[in-house]
Amino acid sequence: MNRCLFSKVLLIVVAIFGLLVLAGILSAQGRSENAFERVKEVQERHTDRLMAIEGVEGTAVGVDDMDQPAVKVFLENPGVRGIPRDIDGVPIHPVVTGKFYALPKPEGKPGGGTKINPTGWFPRPVPIGVSTGHPAITAGTIGCRVTDGTNVYALSNNHVYANSNNAKIGDPVLQPGPYDGGGKVVGRDDVIGELAEFELIKFDGSANYIDAAIAGTTTSLLGKGTPSNGYGTPKSGTVAAKFRQAVQKYGRTTGLTKGSVYAVNATVNVNYGDVSGDGKDDVARFVNQIIITPGSFSAGGDSGSLIVTQTGKNPVGLLFAGSSTFTVANPIGAVLDAFGVTIDGEQ
């Protein structure tokens, strides 16, 4: 065989091998996507049954200890009985999370190791990611600036701006939040906007999808980027949460933190404390939520923080709840759709 013919044959062999490898990769990706869809179907079909077990706080789609797609079952404590090993051939992976709580009560001091204090008062226009709140709450976090094309709004949680359903449209929104001195300094105007709209949180056992509210403001009162020790300005374009996606947030209590998506399509019970005033804690069920790890990703007072990708700064979720080991977020697309707004960020 002459050298020219040998070279042609070699090129053909290499090309065929490359096509086979590519086909194998695409096939594996397809199988992986199909596997997760199968797990999601099983999870949604059996979530009510699983959450009827005492001590079960939620379910989600993730992977087990063998890195195989599985239904995650979130437990209040170790030793919860009655959790099956599998359902319809899909592995069940129990995880002790503790109870999930909305995160309005501030904890500790802001992180980051700099002199910038997200709990303090900021010159106007205020950056995003810092202390804010309705006059009747403690303090939460400004998520971002959003717009309907004409007006601009500050985005945060219902339990930060609407006092867990107990506020009225037109109520003032402060920066910083009351816990951090907002509204308490003589001669200083801490109002940065007025409550414009909020999604009602249902405590009757029916499904909630978002814990969110917007406050009408102006570009002279609210900026669209974090303080200088944060991630900067989020992009306007959002992305859906994906398993193991690298994310970050800037919040009132823990400042800039980084983490990853641990599970998706979560259904969780979230404790809001005594919202109704009857002496009993009120619990709301949220569906189609995002679970983020590690536990240090957020703490009380970070509620309302915008969660963005580490690469690209594309918005992924709105932080609103958590346990000692995980953070819970609403998908940002559902939040924006509810109010008919978009992120007022970088293009």
Protein backbone atom coordinates (compact mmCIF):
# COMPACT_ATOMS: atom_id res chain seq x y z
CA MET A 1 0.00 0.00 0.00
CA ASN A 2 1.50 3.34 -1.01
CA ARG A 3 1.80 6.20 1.44
CA CYS A 4 -0.99 8.30 -0.13
CA LEU A 5 -3.53 5.45 0.04
CA PHE A 6 -2.49 4.65 3.60
CA SER A 7 -3.06 8.27 4.64
CA LYS A 8 -6.54 8.28 3.10
CA VAL A 9 -7.48 5.05 4.86
CA LEU A 10 -6.13 6.40 8.14
CA LEU A 11 -8.21 9.57 7.78
CA ILE A 12 -11.34 7.53 7.09
CA VAL A 13 -10.70 5.32 10.14
CA VAL A 14 -10.14 8.38 12.35
CA ALA A 15 -13.32 10.02 11.04
CA ILE A 16 -15.39 6.88 11.67
CA PHE A 17 -13.94 6.54 15.15
CA GLY A 18 -14.76 10.18 15.89
CA LEU A 19 -18.35 9.73 14.72
CA LEU A 20 -18.73 6.64 16.91
CA VAL A 21 -17.37 8.47 19.94
CA LEU A 22 -19.66 11.45 19.32
CA ALA A 23 -22.64 9.17 18.88
CA GLY A 24 -21.76 7.45 22.13
CA ILE A 25 -21.54 10.79 23.98
CA LEU A 26 -24.85 12.00 22.57
CA SER A 27 -26.48 8.68 23.39
CA ALA A 28 -25.16 8.84 26.97
CA GLN A 29 -26.44 12.41 27.32
CA GLY A 30 -29.80 11.33 26.01
CA ARG A 31 -29.93 8.42 28.44
CA SER A 32 -28.98 10.75 31.30
CA GLU A 33 -31.71 13.25 30.40
CA ASN A 34 -34.23 10.44 30.05
CA ALA A 35 -33.16 9.03 33.42
CA PHE A 36 -33.73 12.34 35.17
CA GLU A 37 -37.12 12.75 33.48
CA ARG A 38 -38.06 9.29 34.69
CA VAL A 39 -37.01 10.17 38.26
CA LYS A 40 -38.96 13.44 38.06
CA GLU A 41 -42.12 11.59 37.00
CA VAL A 42 -41.80 9.16 39.89
CA GLN A 43 -41.03 11.94 42.36
CA GLU A 44 -44.07 14.00 41.38
CA ARG A 45 -46.36 10.96 41.41
CA HIS A 46 -45.31 9.87 44.91
CA THR A 47 -44.45 13.13 46.71
CA ASP A 48 -47.79 13.34 48.55
CA ARG A 49 -47.36 9.76 49.78
CA LEU A 50 -43.79 10.38 50.92
CA MET A 51 -44.54 13.69 52.62
CA ALA A 52 -47.41 12.10 54.51
CA ILE A 53 -44.73 10.20 56.49
CA GLU A 54 -44.03 11.95 59.79
CA GLY A 55 -40.62 13.61 59.70
CA VAL A 56 -40.45 14.04 55.89
CA GLU A 57 -39.97 17.71 54.96
CA GLY A 58 -39.72 17.44 51.19
CA THR A 59 -38.63 15.65 48.03
CA ALA A 60 -36.53 16.57 45.00
CA VAL A 61 -34.66 15.20 42.00
CA GLY A 62 -30.92 14.64 42.45
CA VAL A 63 -28.44 11.75 42.64
CA ASP A 64 -27.71 9.11 45.26
CA ASP A 65 -24.37 8.09 46.81
CA MET A 66 -23.58 6.09 43.65
CA ASP A 67 -24.09 9.22 41.52
CA GLN A 68 -27.24 7.74 39.98
CA PRO A 69 -30.42 9.79 39.40
CA ALA A 70 -32.64 9.39 42.46
CA VAL A 71 -35.54 10.85 44.37
CA LYS A 72 -34.20 12.85 47.31
CA VAL A 73 -36.31 12.64 50.48
CA PHE A 74 -35.59 15.39 53.01
CA LEU A 75 -35.88 14.38 56.67
CA GLU A 76 -36.34 16.44 59.81
CA ASN A 77 -34.23 14.01 61.85
CA PRO A 78 -32.30 10.73 61.38
CA GLY A 79 -34.21 7.50 61.83
CA VAL A 80 -37.45 8.42 60.10
CA ARG A 81 -39.27 5.15 59.48
CA GLY A 82 -41.24 4.08 56.46
CA ILE A 83 -38.94 5.43 53.73
CA PRO A 84 -38.78 2.87 50.89
CA ARG A 85 -35.46 1.99 49.25
CA ASP A 86 -36.97 2.51 45.80
CA ILE A 87 -40.28 3.30 44.12
CA ASP A 88 -41.20 2.03 40.65
CA GLY A 89 -37.57 0.99 40.21
CA VAL A 90 -36.22 4.47 41.05
CA PRO A 91 -33.77 4.73 44.00
CA ILE A 92 -34.93 6.74 47.04
CA HIS A 93 -32.14 8.68 48.76
CA PRO A 94 -32.97 10.01 52.27
CA VAL A 95 -31.10 13.15 53.39
CA VAL A 96 -31.31 14.72 56.85
CA THR A 97 -31.92 18.43 56.30
CA GLY A 98 -33.84 19.49 59.39
CA LYS A 99 -36.88 21.71 58.96
CA PHE A 100 -36.90 24.46 56.35
CA TYR A 101 -37.58 28.02 57.49
CA ALA A 102 -38.18 31.30 55.73
CA LEU A 103 -35.12 33.40 56.53
CA PRO A 104 -36.28 36.80 57.79
CA LYS A 105 -34.52 36.81 61.16
CA PRO A 106 -31.00 38.21 60.79
CA GLU A 107 -28.10 36.21 62.17
CA GLY A 108 -24.50 37.06 62.94
CA LYS A 109 -22.39 39.60 61.10
CA PRO A 110 -21.81 40.01 57.37
CA GLY A 111 -18.96 38.04 55.86
CA GLY A 112 -16.37 38.96 53.29
CA GLY A 113 -13.57 40.36 55.45
CA THR A 114 -13.98 43.94 54.20
CA LYS A 115 -15.20 47.22 55.64
CA ILE A 116 -18.29 47.15 53.44
CA ASN A 117 -21.25 46.32 55.65
CA PRO A 118 -24.37 45.01 53.85
CA THR A 119 -26.41 45.64 57.03
CA GLY A 120 -25.74 49.37 57.02
CA TRP A 121 -27.21 52.46 55.39
CA PHE A 122 -26.02 53.15 51.82
CA PRO A 123 -25.97 56.43 49.88
CA ARG A 124 -28.59 56.56 47.17
CA PRO A 125 -28.80 54.92 44.68
CA VAL A 126 -28.60 51.90 46.97
CA PRO A 127 -26.76 48.78 45.69
CA ILE A 128 -28.56 45.46 45.48
CA GLY A 129 -27.82 42.67 47.96
CA VAL A 130 -28.05 44.85 51.08
CA SER A 131 -30.38 45.23 54.06
CA THR A 132 -34.01 46.15 53.40
CA GLY A 133 -37.49 45.45 54.66
CA HIS A 134 -41.07 46.43 55.43
CA PRO A 135 -41.32 48.50 58.65
CA ALA A 136 -43.03 45.58 60.44
CA ILE A 137 -40.31 42.96 59.81
CA THR A 138 -36.67 42.60 60.91
CA ALA A 139 -34.51 42.72 57.78
CA GLY A 140 -33.98 40.91 54.50
CA THR A 141 -32.11 41.56 51.27
CA ILE A 142 -32.73 43.57 48.10
CA GLY A 143 -32.60 40.96 45.32
CA CYS A 144 -32.20 43.18 42.29
CA ARG A 145 -33.77 45.95 40.26
CA VAL A 146 -36.45 44.86 37.81
CA THR A 147 -38.46 46.71 35.19
CA ASP A 148 -41.70 46.41 33.25
CA GLY A 149 -40.24 48.54 30.48
CA THR A 150 -41.49 51.80 31.98
CA ASN A 151 -41.17 51.61 35.75
CA VAL A 152 -38.46 50.13 37.96
CA TYR A 153 -38.94 48.08 41.11
CA ALA A 154 -36.94 46.53 43.93
CA LEU A 155 -37.41 42.75 44.03
CA SER A 156 -37.37 40.75 47.25
CA ASN A 157 -39.56 38.22 49.10
CA ASN A 158 -43.16 38.55 50.23
CA HIS A 159 -41.98 37.96 53.80
CA VAL A 160 -39.44 40.79 53.42
CA TYR A 161 -41.54 43.45 51.65
CA ALA A 162 -45.13 42.34 52.37
CA ASN A 163 -44.74 41.03 55.94
CA SER A 164 -45.94 37.52 54.98
CA ASN A 165 -49.25 38.72 53.46
CA ASN A 166 -49.92 41.23 56.27
CA ALA A 167 -48.85 44.42 54.46
CA LYS A 168 -50.88 46.78 52.27
CA ILE A 169 -50.08 47.99 48.78
CA GLY A 170 -48.39 51.36 49.15
CA ASP A 171 -46.63 50.52 52.42
CA PRO A 172 -43.09 51.91 52.58
CA VAL A 173 -40.00 49.79 52.00
CA LEU A 174 -36.87 50.74 53.92
CA GLN A 175 -33.11 50.55 53.46
CA PRO A 176 -31.69 49.39 55.77
CA GLY A 177 -34.31 47.10 57.31
CA PRO A 178 -35.74 47.95 60.76
CA TYR A 179 -33.45 45.45 62.54
CA ASP A 180 -30.49 47.39 61.16
CA GLY A 181 -31.84 50.81 62.17
CA GLY A 182 -34.05 51.55 59.17
CA GLY A 183 -36.73 54.12 59.99
CA LYS A 184 -35.23 54.85 63.40
CA VAL A 185 -32.67 57.58 62.70
CA VAL A 186 -34.06 61.08 63.23
CA GLY A 187 -33.80 63.26 60.14
CA ARG A 188 -32.82 60.42 57.78
CA ASP A 189 -35.23 59.25 55.08
CA ASP A 190 -34.76 55.50 54.74
CA VAL A 191 -37.66 54.91 52.35
CA ILE A 192 -36.53 53.62 48.95
CA GLY A 193 -39.93 52.64 47.57
CA GLU A 194 -43.50 51.52 48.14
CA LEU A 195 -44.96 48.02 48.02
CA ALA A 196 -46.43 47.62 44.54
CA GLU A 197 -47.37 43.93 44.29
CA PHE A 198 -46.84 40.62 46.06
CA GLU A 199 -47.68 36.98 45.48
CA LEU A 200 -49.95 35.72 48.25
CA ILE A 201 -48.45 32.87 50.30
CA LYS A 202 -50.99 30.09 50.92
CA PHE A 203 -50.84 28.27 54.23
CA ASP A 204 -53.70 25.85 53.54
CA GLY A 205 -51.56 23.02 52.18
CA SER A 206 -52.04 23.97 48.52
CA ALA A 207 -49.07 24.61 46.25
CA ASN A 208 -47.01 27.80 46.33
CA TYR A 209 -44.48 28.56 43.63
CA ILE A 210 -42.84 31.81 44.71
CA ASP A 211 -42.31 33.96 47.80
CA ALA A 212 -41.83 37.32 46.14
CA ALA A 213 -42.82 40.98 46.13
CA ILE A 214 -41.84 44.16 44.28
CA ALA A 215 -41.63 47.75 45.49
CA GLY A 216 -41.91 50.70 43.16
CA THR A 217 -38.75 52.80 43.21
CA THR A 218 -36.56 54.97 40.93
CA THR A 219 -33.12 54.72 39.40
CA SER A 220 -32.02 57.59 41.66
CA LEU A 221 -32.93 55.51 44.75
CA LEU A 222 -31.86 52.01 43.65
CA GLY A 223 -28.89 50.90 41.58
CA LYS A 224 -28.53 47.59 39.77
CA GLY A 225 -25.18 46.23 40.99
CA THR A 226 -23.88 44.84 44.28
CA PRO A 227 -21.37 46.66 46.51
CA SER A 228 -17.77 46.47 45.27
CA ASN A 229 -17.05 43.28 47.23
CA GLY A 230 -19.90 41.46 45.47
CA TYR A 231 -20.28 39.88 42.05
CA GLY A 232 -21.23 43.12 40.29
CA THR A 233 -24.27 43.60 38.07
CA PRO A 234 -26.38 40.58 37.12
CA LYS A 235 -27.18 39.87 33.49
CA SER A 236 -30.71 40.52 32.26
CA GLY A 237 -30.89 37.07 30.66
CA THR A 238 -31.93 34.30 33.03
CA VAL A 239 -31.10 30.59 32.97
CA ALA A 240 -32.85 27.55 34.42
CA ALA A 241 -31.28 25.76 37.36
CA LYS A 242 -29.34 22.61 36.52
CA PHE A 243 -27.93 19.91 38.73
CA ARG A 244 -24.40 20.81 39.98
CA GLN A 245 -24.63 24.29 38.47
CA ALA A 246 -22.12 26.66 40.11
CA VAL A 247 -23.95 29.65 41.62
CA GLN A 248 -23.31 32.68 43.84
CA LYS A 249 -25.24 35.34 45.72
CA TYR A 250 -24.68 38.54 47.67
CA GLY A 251 -26.84 38.98 50.75
CA ARG A 252 -27.39 41.10 53.83
CA THR A 253 -25.92 38.63 56.33
CA THR A 254 -23.32 36.43 54.66
CA GLY A 255 -22.24 38.78 51.86
CA LEU A 256 -20.80 37.06 48.78
CA THR A 257 -21.03 33.26 48.93
CA LYS A 258 -20.62 30.52 46.35
CA GLY A 259 -22.32 27.14 46.09
CA SER A 260 -23.90 24.69 43.68
CA VAL A 261 -27.32 23.33 42.80
CA TYR A 262 -27.85 20.17 44.82
CA ALA A 263 -31.35 19.20 43.64
CA VAL A 264 -34.15 20.52 41.46
CA ASN A 265 -37.93 20.26 41.20
CA ALA A 266 -38.12 20.25 44.99
CA THR A 267 -41.33 20.18 46.99
CA VAL A 268 -40.71 21.39 50.54
CA ASN A 269 -42.63 22.50 53.62
CA VAL A 270 -41.43 25.92 54.81
CA ASN A 271 -42.08 27.23 58.33
CA TYR A 272 -42.93 30.96 58.58
CA GLY A 273 -43.52 31.23 62.31
CA ASP A 274 -46.80 32.55 63.67
CA VAL A 275 -48.03 34.57 60.68
CA SER A 276 -51.74 34.37 61.53
CA GLY A 277 -51.33 35.33 65.16
CA ASP A 278 -53.05 32.23 66.55
CA GLY A 279 -50.01 31.10 68.55
CA LYS A 280 -49.10 28.32 66.10
CA ASP A 281 -46.43 28.20 63.40
CA ASP A 282 -47.73 28.55 59.86
CA VAL A 283 -46.27 26.21 57.22
CA ALA A 284 -46.49 26.67 53.44
CA ARG A 285 -45.79 24.03 50.81
CA PHE A 286 -43.64 25.12 47.87
CA VAL A 287 -43.23 23.13 44.66
CA ASN A 288 -40.71 23.25 41.78
CA GLN A 289 -37.99 24.79 43.96
CA ILE A 290 -34.19 24.82 43.76
CA ILE A 291 -32.00 23.33 46.52
CA ILE A 292 -28.49 24.75 46.96
CA THR A 293 -25.52 23.61 49.03
CA PRO A 294 -23.48 24.16 51.24
CA GLY A 295 -25.31 25.28 54.38
CA SER A 296 -23.02 28.32 54.63
CA PHE A 297 -24.45 29.64 51.35
CA SER A 298 -27.06 31.63 53.30
CA ALA A 299 -28.32 32.57 56.75
CA GLY A 300 -31.17 34.51 58.32
CA GLY A 301 -31.41 37.97 56.76
CA ASP A 302 -30.27 36.78 53.31
CA SER A 303 -33.89 36.27 52.22
CA GLY A 304 -34.55 38.03 48.94
CA SER A 305 -31.02 37.62 47.57
CA LEU A 306 -30.70 37.06 43.84
CA ILE A 307 -28.83 33.85 42.97
CA VAL A 308 -26.76 34.02 39.78
CA THR A 309 -24.35 31.72 37.95
CA GLN A 310 -20.68 31.98 38.85
CA THR A 311 -19.83 32.20 35.16
CA GLY A 312 -21.86 34.81 33.30
CA LYS A 313 -23.82 36.15 36.31
CA ASN A 314 -27.09 34.97 34.81
CA PRO A 315 -29.98 34.99 37.34
CA VAL A 316 -31.13 31.53 38.43
CA GLY A 317 -33.24 31.93 41.55
CA LEU A 318 -34.62 34.09 44.35
CA LEU A 319 -33.46 32.95 47.79
CA PHE A 320 -36.21 32.69 50.41
CA ALA A 321 -35.71 29.78 52.81
CA GLY A 322 -33.30 27.18 54.13
CA SER A 323 -32.16 24.84 56.84
CA SER A 324 -28.80 24.49 58.57
CA THR A 325 -27.49 22.52 55.59
CA PHE A 326 -29.34 23.77 52.50
CA THR A 327 -30.79 26.88 50.86
CA VAL A 328 -34.12 26.97 49.01
CA ALA A 329 -34.82 29.30 46.08
CA ASN A 330 -37.69 30.07 43.71
CA PRO A 331 -36.85 29.70 40.01
CA ILE A 332 -36.27 33.28 38.87
CA GLY A 333 -38.31 32.77 35.69
CA ALA A 334 -41.46 32.05 37.71
CA VAL A 335 -40.85 35.16 39.83
CA LEU A 336 -40.42 37.49 36.88
CA ASP A 337 -43.40 36.03 35.02
CA ALA A 338 -45.65 36.58 38.04
CA PHE A 339 -45.02 40.33 37.96
CA GLY A 340 -44.47 40.82 34.23
CA VAL A 341 -40.96 42.21 34.71
CA THR A 342 -37.40 41.52 33.63
CA ILE A 343 -34.05 41.90 35.40
CA ASP A 344 -32.75 45.45 34.93
CA GLY A 345 -29.14 44.37 34.50
CA GLU A 346 -26.39 43.97 31.93
CA GLN A 347 -27.36 42.85 28.46
